[in-house]
N, C-alpha and C. Protein backbone atom coordinates (compact mmCIF):
# COMPACT_ATOMS: atom_id res chain seq x y z
N MET A 1 -37.40 12.23 -67.22
CA MET A 1 -35.98 12.32 -67.41
C MET A 1 -35.49 11.38 -68.50
N ILE A 2 -36.06 10.20 -68.54
CA ILE A 2 -35.61 9.24 -69.54
C ILE A 2 -36.24 9.60 -70.88
N GLY A 3 -35.40 9.72 -71.88
CA GLY A 3 -35.88 10.14 -73.19
C GLY A 3 -35.75 9.04 -74.21
N GLY A 4 -35.81 9.42 -75.44
CA GLY A 4 -35.74 8.46 -76.53
C GLY A 4 -34.52 8.69 -77.39
N ARG A 5 -34.72 8.61 -78.67
CA ARG A 5 -33.61 8.74 -79.61
C ARG A 5 -32.93 10.09 -79.54
N GLY A 6 -33.68 11.14 -79.34
CA GLY A 6 -33.08 12.48 -79.26
C GLY A 6 -32.14 12.60 -78.09
N THR A 7 -32.53 12.01 -76.97
CA THR A 7 -31.68 12.05 -75.78
C THR A 7 -30.40 11.26 -76.02
N MET A 8 -30.52 10.10 -76.63
CA MET A 8 -29.33 9.29 -76.94
C MET A 8 -28.42 10.03 -77.92
N ASP A 9 -29.01 10.69 -78.89
CA ASP A 9 -28.23 11.47 -79.86
C ASP A 9 -27.42 12.55 -79.15
N GLU A 10 -28.07 13.26 -78.23
CA GLU A 10 -27.37 14.31 -77.48
C GLU A 10 -26.26 13.72 -76.61
N LEU A 11 -26.51 12.58 -75.99
CA LEU A 11 -25.50 11.93 -75.16
C LEU A 11 -24.27 11.57 -75.99
N PHE A 12 -24.49 10.92 -77.13
CA PHE A 12 -23.36 10.50 -77.96
C PHE A 12 -22.64 11.69 -78.58
N GLU A 13 -23.38 12.74 -78.87
CA GLU A 13 -22.73 13.95 -79.39
C GLU A 13 -21.82 14.56 -78.34
N ALA A 14 -22.30 14.65 -77.10
CA ALA A 14 -21.47 15.19 -76.01
C ALA A 14 -20.25 14.31 -75.78
N LEU A 15 -20.42 13.00 -75.78
CA LEU A 15 -19.29 12.10 -75.56
C LEU A 15 -18.26 12.21 -76.68
N THR A 16 -18.72 12.38 -77.92
CA THR A 16 -17.80 12.55 -79.04
C THR A 16 -17.01 13.84 -78.91
N LEU A 17 -17.67 14.93 -78.53
CA LEU A 17 -16.97 16.21 -78.36
C LEU A 17 -15.95 16.14 -77.23
N ILE A 18 -16.26 15.40 -76.17
CA ILE A 18 -15.31 15.23 -75.07
C ILE A 18 -14.12 14.40 -75.55
N GLN A 19 -14.41 13.29 -76.24
CA GLN A 19 -13.36 12.38 -76.70
C GLN A 19 -12.41 13.06 -77.68
N THR A 20 -12.93 13.91 -78.54
CA THR A 20 -12.09 14.58 -79.53
C THR A 20 -11.41 15.84 -78.99
N GLY A 21 -11.72 16.20 -77.75
CA GLY A 21 -11.07 17.35 -77.12
C GLY A 21 -11.66 18.69 -77.53
N LYS A 22 -12.80 18.69 -78.18
CA LYS A 22 -13.40 19.96 -78.60
C LYS A 22 -14.03 20.70 -77.43
N ILE A 23 -14.48 19.96 -76.41
CA ILE A 23 -14.95 20.59 -75.18
C ILE A 23 -14.29 19.90 -74.00
N LYS A 24 -14.10 20.63 -72.93
CA LYS A 24 -13.47 20.09 -71.74
C LYS A 24 -14.36 20.40 -70.54
N GLU A 25 -14.22 19.59 -69.51
CA GLU A 25 -14.96 19.80 -68.26
C GLU A 25 -16.46 19.93 -68.51
N PHE A 26 -17.01 18.99 -69.22
CA PHE A 26 -18.44 18.97 -69.53
C PHE A 26 -19.07 17.83 -68.75
N PRO A 27 -20.00 18.12 -67.85
CA PRO A 27 -20.58 17.04 -67.04
C PRO A 27 -21.52 16.16 -67.87
N VAL A 28 -21.36 14.85 -67.72
CA VAL A 28 -22.26 13.89 -68.35
C VAL A 28 -22.91 13.11 -67.22
N ILE A 29 -24.22 13.24 -67.09
CA ILE A 29 -24.95 12.58 -66.02
C ILE A 29 -25.99 11.67 -66.66
N VAL A 30 -25.90 10.39 -66.33
CA VAL A 30 -26.87 9.41 -66.84
C VAL A 30 -27.69 8.94 -65.66
N MET A 31 -29.00 9.13 -65.73
CA MET A 31 -29.87 8.78 -64.61
C MET A 31 -30.72 7.55 -64.97
N GLY A 32 -31.01 6.76 -63.96
CA GLY A 32 -31.85 5.59 -64.16
C GLY A 32 -31.05 4.37 -64.52
N THR A 33 -30.49 3.69 -63.53
CA THR A 33 -29.62 2.54 -63.81
C THR A 33 -30.35 1.41 -64.52
N ALA A 34 -31.61 1.18 -64.22
CA ALA A 34 -32.34 0.10 -64.88
C ALA A 34 -32.44 0.37 -66.38
N TYR A 35 -32.56 1.63 -66.75
CA TYR A 35 -32.70 2.00 -68.16
C TYR A 35 -31.34 2.04 -68.86
N SER A 36 -30.33 2.54 -68.19
CA SER A 36 -29.06 2.82 -68.86
C SER A 36 -27.96 1.80 -68.61
N GLN A 37 -28.15 0.83 -67.73
CA GLN A 37 -27.08 -0.08 -67.38
C GLN A 37 -26.58 -0.90 -68.57
N SER A 38 -27.46 -1.44 -69.37
CA SER A 38 -27.01 -2.24 -70.52
C SER A 38 -26.27 -1.38 -71.54
N MET A 39 -26.71 -0.14 -71.72
CA MET A 39 -26.01 0.77 -72.62
C MET A 39 -24.63 1.09 -72.08
N MET A 40 -24.54 1.35 -70.78
CA MET A 40 -23.25 1.65 -70.17
C MET A 40 -22.28 0.47 -70.31
N GLN A 41 -22.78 -0.74 -70.13
CA GLN A 41 -21.94 -1.92 -70.27
C GLN A 41 -21.43 -2.05 -71.70
N ALA A 42 -22.30 -1.84 -72.65
CA ALA A 42 -21.92 -1.99 -74.06
C ALA A 42 -20.92 -0.94 -74.50
N ILE A 43 -21.06 0.27 -74.02
CA ILE A 43 -20.21 1.36 -74.48
C ILE A 43 -18.93 1.48 -73.67
N PHE A 44 -19.06 1.45 -72.36
CA PHE A 44 -17.94 1.76 -71.49
C PHE A 44 -17.36 0.56 -70.78
N SER A 45 -17.92 -0.61 -70.98
CA SER A 45 -17.50 -1.82 -70.26
C SER A 45 -17.56 -1.62 -68.77
N VAL A 46 -18.61 -0.95 -68.29
CA VAL A 46 -18.83 -0.69 -66.87
C VAL A 46 -19.81 -1.74 -66.36
N ARG A 47 -19.52 -2.28 -65.19
CA ARG A 47 -20.43 -3.28 -64.60
C ARG A 47 -20.94 -2.81 -63.29
């Protein structure tokens, strides 16, 4: 499930499309808290 640069690219592309309103009601699921927690903190200020 955990990927590399391609997975991150797809994640940021989906988030950009959501933020700009080009797509709506698009589920974003991030799995693996040990892997993604620091990224989530940096991007979303989630703790």
